[in-house]
């Protein structure tokens, strides 16, 4: 068996978008032509319609032994794929077909070059911090899960009354629409929309951002990655809901305590070499994604 034939790539696409399906076919064709083995998820195989691939169930084992998982879609598609890739430690390579696409490594215009970089092994792997979350009410576990971007305690209908806690000490009581606990990766997602700071991915920290809090002290907080954050829903407040990366949700009765800490397993992202991609320095990514004005910049003056 050749070296290329022993390598396996899992390809997944947002099959509700024709552009993603067409891109998946291009990716699979180039990978197979290069001698790599390709897997697709059983729920996507019929839409993609490529022969010569292995069809696997959309379960945590789907990414086992895969060298990389190529994701064609937006950040939502990559967050969904992270649920499959994280247990196997498989790096994700996102190709942006969405809008902002902060998690993506390449744009669709550079798709062929991105695939060629994978074939040639011209990529590095970086680890992104995750968060683990545990929700209990009177000792009963309601949720035991994780997130890459953020977990949020949110109202269902009426405002929540909560007490925030850092490292076992009460911080403040808020009447609010909710509280976001985020990673640096998630700082440009929901936490950013709620007024939180942008945190560079290599910074290790946890964020707590109240949402529309009626309180004198309701600023976003950046705390140690070794800290434990907690949000307690007071007994006389309405029912809330826990969201993880906007994908998984759990009802939170009054009196629930939600604890958040650094995740036990990171999510791994592939970073390409020599491709005009969103894999540029994070500052450049911010400028490009938010269309920030930089006219007039001259850079460092060299002697």
C-alpha atoms as a PDB file:
ATOM      1  CA  UNK A   1       0.000   0.000   0.000  1.00  0.00           C
ATOM      2  CA  UNK A   2       1.342   3.423  -0.928  1.00  0.00           C
ATOM      3  CA  UNK A   3       1.785   6.174   1.631  1.00  0.00           C
ATOM      4  CA  UNK A   4      -1.012   8.221   0.018  1.00  0.00           C
ATOM      5  CA  UNK A   5      -3.427   5.294  -0.034  1.00  0.00           C
ATOM      6  CA  UNK A   6      -2.993   4.826   3.741  1.00  0.00           C
ATOM      7  CA  UNK A   7      -4.176   8.384   4.412  1.00  0.00           C
ATOM      8  CA  UNK A   8      -7.867   9.063   5.037  1.00  0.00           C
ATOM      9  CA  UNK A   9      -9.767  12.346   4.862  1.00  0.00           C
ATOM     10  CA  UNK A  10     -13.343  12.859   6.096  1.00  0.00           C
ATOM     11  CA  UNK A  11     -15.274  15.357   3.956  1.00  0.00           C
ATOM     12  CA  UNK A  12     -18.490  16.985   5.151  1.00  0.00           C
ATOM     13  CA  UNK A  13     -20.600  19.702   3.547  1.00  0.00           C
ATOM     14  CA  UNK A  14     -23.624  21.889   4.174  1.00  0.00           C
ATOM     15  CA  UNK A  15     -25.712  19.953   1.654  1.00  0.00           C
ATOM     16  CA  UNK A  16     -28.482  22.548   1.787  1.00  0.00           C
ATOM     17  CA  UNK A  17     -26.227  24.789  -0.298  1.00  0.00           C
ATOM     18  CA  UNK A  18     -25.549  23.788  -3.894  1.00  0.00           C
ATOM     19  CA  UNK A  19     -22.180  25.559  -3.758  1.00  0.00           C
ATOM     20  CA  UNK A  20     -21.150  23.345  -0.848  1.00  0.00           C
ATOM     21  CA  UNK A  21     -22.206  20.174  -2.693  1.00  0.00           C
ATOM     22  CA  UNK A  22     -20.277  21.193  -5.806  1.00  0.00           C
ATOM     23  CA  UNK A  23     -17.251  22.050  -3.694  1.00  0.00           C
ATOM     24  CA  UNK A  24     -17.450  18.683  -1.933  1.00  0.00           C
ATOM     25  CA  UNK A  25     -17.378  16.896  -5.282  1.00  0.00           C
ATOM     26  CA  UNK A  26     -14.316  18.885  -6.331  1.00  0.00           C
ATOM     27  CA  UNK A  27     -12.550  18.124  -3.041  1.00  0.00           C
ATOM     28  CA  UNK A  28     -13.344  14.414  -3.201  1.00  0.00           C
ATOM     29  CA  UNK A  29     -12.251  14.185  -6.825  1.00  0.00           C
ATOM     30  CA  UNK A  30      -8.860  15.770  -6.129  1.00  0.00           C
ATOM     31  CA  UNK A  31      -8.266  13.661  -3.020  1.00  0.00           C
ATOM     32  CA  UNK A  32      -9.158  10.390  -4.739  1.00  0.00           C
ATOM     33  CA  UNK A  33      -7.040  11.318  -7.776  1.00  0.00           C
ATOM     34  CA  UNK A  34      -4.101  11.859  -5.407  1.00  0.00           C
ATOM     35  CA  UNK A  35      -4.568   8.371  -3.959  1.00  0.00           C
ATOM     36  CA  UNK A  36      -6.089   9.301  -0.613  1.00  0.00           C
ATOM     37  CA  UNK A  37      -9.022   7.465   0.936  1.00  0.00           C
ATOM     38  CA  UNK A  38     -12.155   9.579   1.455  1.00  0.00           C
ATOM     39  CA  UNK A  39     -15.089   9.217   3.841  1.00  0.00           C
ATOM     40  CA  UNK A  40     -18.440  11.011   3.741  1.00  0.00           C
ATOM     41  CA  UNK A  41     -21.302  10.971   6.233  1.00  0.00           C
ATOM     42  CA  UNK A  42     -24.266   8.754   5.447  1.00  0.00           C
ATOM     43  CA  UNK A  43     -26.711  11.653   5.636  1.00  0.00           C
ATOM     44  CA  UNK A  44     -24.751  13.564   2.978  1.00  0.00           C
ATOM     45  CA  UNK A  45     -23.630  10.798   0.622  1.00  0.00           C
ATOM     46  CA  UNK A  46     -26.771  10.809  -1.564  1.00  0.00           C
ATOM     47  CA  UNK A  47     -26.639  14.584  -2.077  1.00  0.00           C
ATOM     48  CA  UNK A  48     -22.937  14.608  -2.867  1.00  0.00           C
ATOM     49  CA  UNK A  49     -23.250  11.526  -5.074  1.00  0.00           C
ATOM     50  CA  UNK A  50     -19.567  10.636  -5.443  1.00  0.00           C
ATOM     51  CA  UNK A  51     -18.348   7.121  -6.012  1.00  0.00           C
ATOM     52  CA  UNK A  52     -15.170   5.626  -4.617  1.00  0.00           C
ATOM     53  CA  UNK A  53     -15.748   6.849  -1.064  1.00  0.00           C
ATOM     54  CA  UNK A  54     -16.528   5.174   2.241  1.00  0.00           C
ATOM     55  CA  UNK A  55     -19.878   6.116   3.781  1.00  0.00           C
ATOM     56  CA  UNK A  56     -19.883   6.297   7.581  1.00  0.00           C
ATOM     57  CA  UNK A  57     -22.559   7.144  10.180  1.00  0.00           C
ATOM     58  CA  UNK A  58     -22.564  10.663  11.628  1.00  0.00           C
ATOM     59  CA  UNK A  59     -21.294   9.464  14.996  1.00  0.00           C
ATOM     60  CA  UNK A  60     -18.150  10.260  17.053  1.00  0.00           C
ATOM     61  CA  UNK A  61     -16.394   7.281  15.450  1.00  0.00           C
ATOM     62  CA  UNK A  62     -16.771   8.811  11.984  1.00  0.00           C
ATOM     63  CA  UNK A  63     -13.510  10.722  12.301  1.00  0.00           C
ATOM     64  CA  UNK A  64     -11.490   7.920  13.902  1.00  0.00           C
ATOM     65  CA  UNK A  65      -8.081   7.492  12.225  1.00  0.00           C
ATOM     66  CA  UNK A  66      -8.844  10.274   9.722  1.00  0.00           C
ATOM     67  CA  UNK A  67      -5.856  12.536   9.082  1.00  0.00           C
ATOM     68  CA  UNK A  68      -8.049  15.613   8.690  1.00  0.00           C
ATOM     69  CA  UNK A  69     -11.724  16.537   8.349  1.00  0.00           C
ATOM     70  CA  UNK A  70     -12.517  19.029   5.590  1.00  0.00           C
ATOM     71  CA  UNK A  71     -15.651  21.061   6.330  1.00  0.00           C
ATOM     72  CA  UNK A  72     -17.423  22.962   3.546  1.00  0.00           C
ATOM     73  CA  UNK A  73     -19.820  25.568   4.917  1.00  0.00           C
ATOM     74  CA  UNK A  74     -19.876  28.328   7.508  1.00  0.00           C
ATOM     75  CA  UNK A  75     -18.942  28.455  11.179  1.00  0.00           C
ATOM     76  CA  UNK A  76     -22.147  26.572  12.035  1.00  0.00           C
ATOM     77  CA  UNK A  77     -21.029  23.646   9.889  1.00  0.00           C
ATOM     78  CA  UNK A  78     -17.623  23.665  11.570  1.00  0.00           C
ATOM     79  CA  UNK A  79     -19.163  23.682  15.045  1.00  0.00           C
ATOM     80  CA  UNK A  80     -21.301  20.702  14.054  1.00  0.00           C
ATOM     81  CA  UNK A  81     -18.256  18.909  12.689  1.00  0.00           C
ATOM     82  CA  UNK A  82     -16.305  19.595  15.885  1.00  0.00           C
ATOM     83  CA  UNK A  83     -18.682  17.257  17.692  1.00  0.00           C
ATOM     84  CA  UNK A  84     -17.428  14.429  15.453  1.00  0.00           C
ATOM     85  CA  UNK A  85     -13.762  15.430  15.282  1.00  0.00           C
ATOM     86  CA  UNK A  86     -13.067  16.248  18.943  1.00  0.00           C
ATOM     87  CA  UNK A  87     -13.379  12.697  20.378  1.00  0.00           C
ATOM     88  CA  UNK A  88     -10.966  11.384  17.739  1.00  0.00           C
ATOM     89  CA  UNK A  89      -8.538  14.307  17.973  1.00  0.00           C
ATOM     90  CA  UNK A  90      -8.919  14.844  14.220  1.00  0.00           C
ATOM     91  CA  UNK A  91      -8.002  18.353  12.996  1.00  0.00           C
ATOM     92  CA  UNK A  92     -10.668  20.367  11.190  1.00  0.00           C
ATOM     93  CA  UNK A  93     -10.027  22.305   7.998  1.00  0.00           C
ATOM     94  CA  UNK A  94     -12.863  24.744   7.345  1.00  0.00           C
ATOM     95  CA  UNK A  95     -13.595  26.155   3.894  1.00  0.00           C
ATOM     96  CA  UNK A  96     -15.820  29.205   4.215  1.00  0.00           C
ATOM     97  CA  UNK A  97     -19.043  29.254   2.219  1.00  0.00           C
ATOM     98  CA  UNK A  98     -20.869  31.333   4.824  1.00  0.00           C
ATOM     99  CA  UNK A  99     -20.684  34.982   5.814  1.00  0.00           C
ATOM    100  CA  UNK A 100     -18.070  35.809   8.447  1.00  0.00           C
ATOM    101  CA  UNK A 101     -16.416  32.402   8.820  1.00  0.00           C
ATOM    102  CA  UNK A 102     -13.942  33.141  11.620  1.00  0.00           C
ATOM    103  CA  UNK A 103     -13.208  29.452  12.158  1.00  0.00           C
ATOM    104  CA  UNK A 104     -12.599  28.670   8.491  1.00  0.00           C
ATOM    105  CA  UNK A 105      -9.073  28.341   7.147  1.00  0.00           C
ATOM    106  CA  UNK A 106      -9.703  28.878   3.443  1.00  0.00           C
ATOM    107  CA  UNK A 107     -12.163  30.654   1.177  1.00  0.00           C
ATOM    108  CA  UNK A 108     -13.929  28.731  -1.567  1.00  0.00           C
ATOM    109  CA  UNK A 109     -11.944  30.609  -4.238  1.00  0.00           C
ATOM    110  CA  UNK A 110      -8.787  28.919  -2.943  1.00  0.00           C
ATOM    111  CA  UNK A 111     -10.347  25.481  -2.571  1.00  0.00           C
ATOM    112  CA  UNK A 112      -8.130  23.619  -5.052  1.00  0.00           C
ATOM    113  CA  UNK A 113      -4.948  25.039  -3.506  1.00  0.00           C
ATOM    114  CA  UNK A 114      -6.198  24.136  -0.022  1.00  0.00           C
ATOM    115  CA  UNK A 115      -6.808  20.519  -1.055  1.00  0.00           C
ATOM    116  CA  UNK A 116      -3.391  20.337  -2.687  1.00  0.00           C
ATOM    117  CA  UNK A 117      -1.830  21.568   0.570  1.00  0.00           C
ATOM    118  CA  UNK A 118      -3.559  18.742   2.436  1.00  0.00           C
ATOM    119  CA  UNK A 119      -2.348  16.188  -0.111  1.00  0.00           C
ATOM    120  CA  UNK A 120       1.211  17.511   0.203  1.00  0.00           C
ATOM    121  CA  UNK A 121       0.998  17.657   4.016  1.00  0.00           C
ATOM    122  CA  UNK A 122       1.638  21.400   4.000  1.00  0.00           C
ATOM    123  CA  UNK A 123      -0.279  22.279   7.139  1.00  0.00           C
ATOM    124  CA  UNK A 124       0.173  22.642  10.876  1.00  0.00           C
ATOM    125  CA  UNK A 125      -2.279  21.815  13.646  1.00  0.00           C
ATOM    126  CA  UNK A 126      -3.222  24.174  16.467  1.00  0.00           C
ATOM    127  CA  UNK A 127      -5.321  23.396  19.521  1.00  0.00           C
ATOM    128  CA  UNK A 128      -8.242  25.566  20.575  1.00  0.00           C
ATOM    129  CA  UNK A 129      -9.465  25.634  24.148  1.00  0.00           C
ATOM    130  CA  UNK A 130     -12.935  24.259  24.844  1.00  0.00           C
ATOM    131  CA  UNK A 131     -15.144  24.566  27.913  1.00  0.00           C
ATOM    132  CA  UNK A 132     -16.895  21.869  29.918  1.00  0.00           C
ATOM    133  CA  UNK A 133     -20.259  22.676  31.473  1.00  0.00           C
ATOM    134  CA  UNK A 134     -22.209  20.949  34.229  1.00  0.00           C
ATOM    135  CA  UNK A 135     -25.731  21.999  35.251  1.00  0.00           C
ATOM    136  CA  UNK A 136     -27.378  20.689  38.430  1.00  0.00           C
ATOM    137  CA  UNK A 137     -30.602  21.306  40.301  1.00  0.00           C
ATOM    138  CA  UNK A 138     -30.724  20.005  43.877  1.00  0.00           C
ATOM    139  CA  UNK A 139     -27.976  17.507  43.069  1.00  0.00           C
ATOM    140  CA  UNK A 140     -29.682  16.245  39.901  1.00  0.00           C
ATOM    141  CA  UNK A 141     -27.528  16.556  36.785  1.00  0.00           C
ATOM    142  CA  UNK A 142     -29.430  18.355  34.032  1.00  0.00           C
ATOM    143  CA  UNK A 143     -26.575  18.730  31.548  1.00  0.00           C
ATOM    144  CA  UNK A 144     -22.988  17.498  31.297  1.00  0.00           C
ATOM    145  CA  UNK A 145     -21.565  18.706  28.000  1.00  0.00           C
ATOM    146  CA  UNK A 146     -19.014  21.006  26.328  1.00  0.00           C
ATOM    147  CA  UNK A 147     -18.597  23.840  23.805  1.00  0.00           C
ATOM    148  CA  UNK A 148     -15.952  25.337  21.535  1.00  0.00           C
ATOM    149  CA  UNK A 149     -17.311  28.897  21.331  1.00  0.00           C
ATOM    150  CA  UNK A 150     -19.580  29.476  24.308  1.00  0.00           C
ATOM    151  CA  UNK A 151     -22.259  28.276  26.680  1.00  0.00           C
ATOM    152  CA  UNK A 152     -25.090  30.646  27.537  1.00  0.00           C
ATOM    153  CA  UNK A 153     -27.653  30.714  30.299  1.00  0.00           C
ATOM    154  CA  UNK A 154     -30.596  32.546  28.719  1.00  0.00           C
ATOM    155  CA  UNK A 155     -34.144  33.548  29.529  1.00  0.00           C
ATOM    156  CA  UNK A 156     -37.068  31.704  27.996  1.00  0.00           C
ATOM    157  CA  UNK A 157     -39.567  34.538  28.185  1.00  0.00           C
ATOM    158  CA  UNK A 158     -39.067  36.907  31.105  1.00  0.00           C
ATOM    159  CA  UNK A 159     -35.834  38.284  32.548  1.00  0.00           C
ATOM    160  CA  UNK A 160     -33.715  35.949  34.674  1.00  0.00           C
ATOM    161  CA  UNK A 161     -32.431  36.712  38.162  1.00  0.00           C
ATOM    162  CA  UNK A 162     -28.996  35.157  38.566  1.00  0.00           C
ATOM    163  CA  UNK A 163     -25.935  35.331  40.787  1.00  0.00           C
ATOM    164  CA  UNK A 164     -22.539  35.051  39.078  1.00  0.00           C
ATOM    165  CA  UNK A 165     -19.657  33.311  40.829  1.00  0.00           C
ATOM    166  CA  UNK A 166     -15.906  33.120  40.161  1.00  0.00           C
ATOM    167  CA  UNK A 167     -13.785  30.440  41.860  1.00  0.00           C
ATOM    168  CA  UNK A 168     -16.332  29.725  44.566  1.00  0.00           C
ATOM    169  CA  UNK A 169     -16.940  33.366  45.514  1.00  0.00           C
ATOM    170  CA  UNK A 170     -20.083  35.349  44.632  1.00  0.00           C
ATOM    171  CA  UNK A 171     -19.456  38.212  42.212  1.00  0.00           C
ATOM    172  CA  UNK A 172     -22.750  39.970  41.530  1.00  0.00           C
ATOM    173  CA  UNK A 173     -26.485  39.515  41.166  1.00  0.00           C
ATOM    174  CA  UNK A 174     -27.953  40.414  37.784  1.00  0.00           C
ATOM    175  CA  UNK A 175     -31.433  40.775  36.410  1.00  0.00           C
ATOM    176  CA  UNK A 176     -30.614  39.998  32.795  1.00  0.00           C
ATOM    177  CA  UNK A 177     -31.477  38.288  29.540  1.00  0.00           C
ATOM    178  CA  UNK A 178     -28.665  35.835  30.159  1.00  0.00           C
ATOM    179  CA  UNK A 179     -24.962  35.222  30.758  1.00  0.00           C
ATOM    180  CA  UNK A 180     -22.369  34.055  28.217  1.00  0.00           C
ATOM    181  CA  UNK A 181     -19.330  32.020  29.234  1.00  0.00           C
ATOM    182  CA  UNK A 182     -16.933  31.880  26.290  1.00  0.00           C
ATOM    183  CA  UNK A 183     -13.503  30.800  25.092  1.00  0.00           C
ATOM    184  CA  UNK A 184     -11.096  33.058  23.171  1.00  0.00           C
ATOM    185  CA  UNK A 185     -12.295  31.310  20.010  1.00  0.00           C
ATOM    186  CA  UNK A 186     -15.855  32.293  20.911  1.00  0.00           C
ATOM    187  CA  UNK A 187     -14.914  35.905  21.686  1.00  0.00           C
ATOM    188  CA  UNK A 188     -15.743  36.895  18.092  1.00  0.00           C
ATOM    189  CA  UNK A 189     -19.118  35.109  18.168  1.00  0.00           C
ATOM    190  CA  UNK A 190     -22.073  35.652  20.531  1.00  0.00           C
ATOM    191  CA  UNK A 191     -19.870  37.222  23.225  1.00  0.00           C
ATOM    192  CA  UNK A 192     -18.743  39.879  20.744  1.00  0.00           C
ATOM    193  CA  UNK A 193     -22.358  40.683  19.843  1.00  0.00           C
ATOM    194  CA  UNK A 194     -23.114  41.132  23.552  1.00  0.00           C
ATOM    195  CA  UNK A 195     -20.292  43.658  23.990  1.00  0.00           C
ATOM    196  CA  UNK A 196     -17.469  41.364  25.032  1.00  0.00           C
ATOM    197  CA  UNK A 197     -13.811  41.899  24.099  1.00  0.00           C
ATOM    198  CA  UNK A 198     -12.014  40.266  21.188  1.00  0.00           C
ATOM    199  CA  UNK A 199      -9.406  37.858  22.576  1.00  0.00           C
ATOM    200  CA  UNK A 200      -6.593  36.538  20.384  1.00  0.00           C
ATOM    201  CA  UNK A 201      -6.793  32.729  20.024  1.00  0.00           C
ATOM    202  CA  UNK A 202      -3.368  32.101  21.578  1.00  0.00           C
ATOM    203  CA  UNK A 203      -4.444  33.852  24.796  1.00  0.00           C
ATOM    204  CA  UNK A 204      -5.593  31.365  27.412  1.00  0.00           C
ATOM    205  CA  UNK A 205      -8.575  32.805  29.267  1.00  0.00           C
ATOM    206  CA  UNK A 206     -12.272  32.396  30.003  1.00  0.00           C
ATOM    207  CA  UNK A 207     -14.848  35.118  29.396  1.00  0.00           C
ATOM    208  CA  UNK A 208     -18.056  35.939  31.259  1.00  0.00           C
ATOM    209  CA  UNK A 209     -20.359  38.419  29.515  1.00  0.00           C
ATOM    210  CA  UNK A 210     -23.787  39.399  30.936  1.00  0.00           C
ATOM    211  CA  UNK A 211     -26.541  40.024  28.375  1.00  0.00           C
ATOM    212  CA  UNK A 212     -28.595  43.202  28.880  1.00  0.00           C
ATOM    213  CA  UNK A 213     -28.050  43.184  32.640  1.00  0.00           C
ATOM    214  CA  UNK A 214     -29.921  45.675  34.829  1.00  0.00           C
ATOM    215  CA  UNK A 215     -27.066  46.388  37.226  1.00  0.00           C
ATOM    216  CA  UNK A 216     -24.452  49.049  37.939  1.00  0.00           C
ATOM    217  CA  UNK A 217     -21.663  46.481  37.561  1.00  0.00           C
ATOM    218  CA  UNK A 218     -22.297  44.436  34.431  1.00  0.00           C
ATOM    219  CA  UNK A 219     -19.016  44.581  32.528  1.00  0.00           C
ATOM    220  CA  UNK A 220     -17.535  41.704  30.517  1.00  0.00           C
ATOM    221  CA  UNK A 221     -14.941  39.769  32.509  1.00  0.00           C
ATOM    222  CA  UNK A 222     -11.743  38.029  31.374  1.00  0.00           C
ATOM    223  CA  UNK A 223     -10.526  35.515  33.947  1.00  0.00           C
ATOM    224  CA  UNK A 224      -7.870  32.850  34.354  1.00  0.00           C
ATOM    225  CA  UNK A 225      -8.226  29.651  32.294  1.00  0.00           C
ATOM    226  CA  UNK A 226      -7.848  27.796  35.594  1.00  0.00           C
ATOM    227  CA  UNK A 227     -10.916  29.503  37.077  1.00  0.00           C
ATOM    228  CA  UNK A 228     -14.343  27.971  37.511  1.00  0.00           C
ATOM    229  CA  UNK A 229     -17.274  30.174  36.486  1.00  0.00           C
ATOM    230  CA  UNK A 230     -20.750  29.569  37.846  1.00  0.00           C
ATOM    231  CA  UNK A 231     -24.194  31.033  37.247  1.00  0.00           C
ATOM    232  CA  UNK A 232     -26.991  30.305  39.722  1.00  0.00           C
ATOM    233  CA  UNK A 233     -30.587  30.882  38.660  1.00  0.00           C
ATOM    234  CA  UNK A 234     -32.415  32.156  41.739  1.00  0.00           C
ATOM    235  CA  UNK A 235     -35.344  30.079  43.022  1.00  0.00           C
ATOM    236  CA  UNK A 236     -37.995  32.728  42.303  1.00  0.00           C
ATOM    237  CA  UNK A 237     -36.945  33.381  38.704  1.00  0.00           C
ATOM    238  CA  UNK A 238     -38.579  31.968  35.534  1.00  0.00           C
ATOM    239  CA  UNK A 239     -37.232  28.890  33.780  1.00  0.00           C
ATOM    240  CA  UNK A 240     -34.131  29.437  31.629  1.00  0.00           C
ATOM    241  CA  UNK A 241     -32.334  27.542  28.891  1.00  0.00           C
ATOM    242  CA  UNK A 242     -28.718  26.457  28.463  1.00  0.00           C
ATOM    243  CA  UNK A 243     -27.288  26.706  24.926  1.00  0.00           C
ATOM    244  CA  UNK A 244     -23.957  25.185  23.857  1.00  0.00           C
ATOM    245  CA  UNK A 245     -22.488  26.686  20.667  1.00  0.00           C
ATOM    246  CA  UNK A 246     -26.055  27.512  19.601  1.00  0.00           C
ATOM    247  CA  UNK A 247     -26.547  23.806  18.813  1.00  0.00           C
ATOM    248  CA  UNK A 248     -27.454  21.846  21.939  1.00  0.00           C
ATOM    249  CA  UNK A 249     -29.902  23.160  24.518  1.00  0.00           C
ATOM    250  CA  UNK A 250     -31.254  22.093  27.907  1.00  0.00           C
ATOM    251  CA  UNK A 251     -34.087  23.525  30.018  1.00  0.00           C
ATOM    252  CA  UNK A 252     -32.917  25.099  33.280  1.00  0.00           C
ATOM    253  CA  UNK A 253     -35.507  25.141  36.086  1.00  0.00           C
ATOM    254  CA  UNK A 254     -35.367  27.793  38.785  1.00  0.00           C
ATOM    255  CA  UNK A 255     -32.640  26.992  41.307  1.00  0.00           C
ATOM    256  CA  UNK A 256     -30.272  25.468  38.727  1.00  0.00           C
ATOM    257  CA  UNK A 257     -26.523  25.968  39.117  1.00  0.00           C
ATOM    258  CA  UNK A 258     -24.373  25.988  35.954  1.00  0.00           C
ATOM    259  CA  UNK A 259     -20.608  25.515  36.305  1.00  0.00           C
ATOM    260  CA  UNK A 260     -18.136  26.196  33.493  1.00  0.00           C
ATOM    261  CA  UNK A 261     -14.427  25.355  33.405  1.00  0.00           C
ATOM    262  CA  UNK A 262     -11.690  24.739  30.873  1.00  0.00           C
ATOM    263  CA  UNK A 263     -12.487  21.715  28.730  1.00  0.00           C
ATOM    264  CA  UNK A 264     -10.714  18.415  29.162  1.00  0.00           C
ATOM    265  CA  UNK A 265     -10.205  18.026  25.391  1.00  0.00           C
ATOM    266  CA  UNK A 266      -9.320  20.753  22.870  1.00  0.00           C
ATOM    267  CA  UNK A 267     -10.575  21.057  19.314  1.00  0.00           C
ATOM    268  CA  UNK A 268      -7.779  20.840  16.741  1.00  0.00           C
ATOM    269  CA  UNK A 269      -7.693  23.099  13.664  1.00  0.00           C
ATOM    270  CA  UNK A 270      -5.533  22.636  10.567  1.00  0.00           C
ATOM    271  CA  UNK A 271      -3.592  25.702   9.403  1.00  0.00           C
ATOM    272  CA  UNK A 272      -2.325  25.713   5.823  1.00  0.00           C
ATOM    273  CA  UNK A 273       1.044  26.759   4.440  1.00  0.00           C
ATOM    274  CA  UNK A 274       1.338  29.025   1.427  1.00  0.00           C
ATOM    275  CA  UNK A 275      -2.360  29.448   0.608  1.00  0.00           C
ATOM    276  CA  UNK A 276      -4.126  32.797   0.323  1.00  0.00           C
ATOM    277  CA  UNK A 277      -6.549  31.969   3.059  1.00  0.00           C
ATOM    278  CA  UNK A 278      -8.078  33.159   6.263  1.00  0.00           C
ATOM    279  CA  UNK A 279      -5.137  31.432   7.948  1.00  0.00           C
ATOM    280  CA  UNK A 280      -3.323  34.781   7.982  1.00  0.00           C
ATOM    281  CA  UNK A 281      -2.382  36.489  11.282  1.00  0.00           C
ATOM    282  CA  UNK A 282      -5.409  37.007  13.497  1.00  0.00           C
ATOM    283  CA  UNK A 283      -5.171  40.789  13.126  1.00  0.00           C
ATOM    284  CA  UNK A 284      -5.511  40.415   9.356  1.00  0.00           C
ATOM    285  CA  UNK A 285      -8.471  38.122   9.875  1.00  0.00           C
ATOM    286  CA  UNK A 286     -10.213  40.722  12.037  1.00  0.00           C
ATOM    287  CA  UNK A 287      -9.626  43.424   9.447  1.00  0.00           C
ATOM    288  CA  UNK A 288     -10.931  41.237   6.616  1.00  0.00           C
ATOM    289  CA  UNK A 289     -13.968  39.793   8.399  1.00  0.00           C
ATOM    290  CA  UNK A 290     -15.159  43.054   9.967  1.00  0.00           C
ATOM    291  CA  UNK A 291     -14.029  45.228   7.044  1.00  0.00           C
ATOM    292  CA  UNK A 292     -12.099  47.473   9.413  1.00  0.00           C
ATOM    293  CA  UNK A 293     -10.721  50.753   8.009  1.00  0.00           C
ATOM    294  CA  UNK A 294      -6.918  50.705   7.851  1.00  0.00           C
ATOM    295  CA  UNK A 295      -6.353  53.318   5.156  1.00  0.00           C
ATOM    296  CA  UNK A 296      -3.364  55.511   5.956  1.00  0.00           C
ATOM    297  CA  UNK A 297      -1.419  52.790   7.781  1.00  0.00           C
ATOM    298  CA  UNK A 298       2.276  52.983   6.932  1.00  0.00           C
ATOM    299  CA  UNK A 299       3.694  50.260   9.133  1.00  0.00           C
ATOM    300  CA  UNK A 300       6.979  50.217  10.969  1.00  0.00           C
ATOM    301  CA  UNK A 301       9.431  52.804   9.714  1.00  0.00           C
ATOM    302  CA  UNK A 302      12.682  51.066   8.809  1.00  0.00           C
ATOM    303  CA  UNK A 303      16.003  52.912   9.019  1.00  0.00           C
END
